Amino acid sequence: MNVINCVKIKSGQCVLIVLKKDQRSGKLTKGIVKDVLTKTPTHPHGIKVRLESGKIGRVKKILE
């Protein structure tokens, strides 16, 4: 399992997240991180973030 650490996620980064409504299908949404919402260093389902678009989801991949 690929667990992303909270300290690796910063405001302004481009990431792929899975939205709550897309958890079953696994559809990913691309966006720029506005806020990191998860308070713990790691989370088994991914770190929860708010994108600049206002969408909230769990980070599955950090894009370069």
Foldseek 3Di string as FASTA:
>chain_A
DDKDFPVVDDFQFWFWFAAPVCPVVPDTDIATFHAFDDPDGIDPVATWTAGPVRGIGGTDGTDD
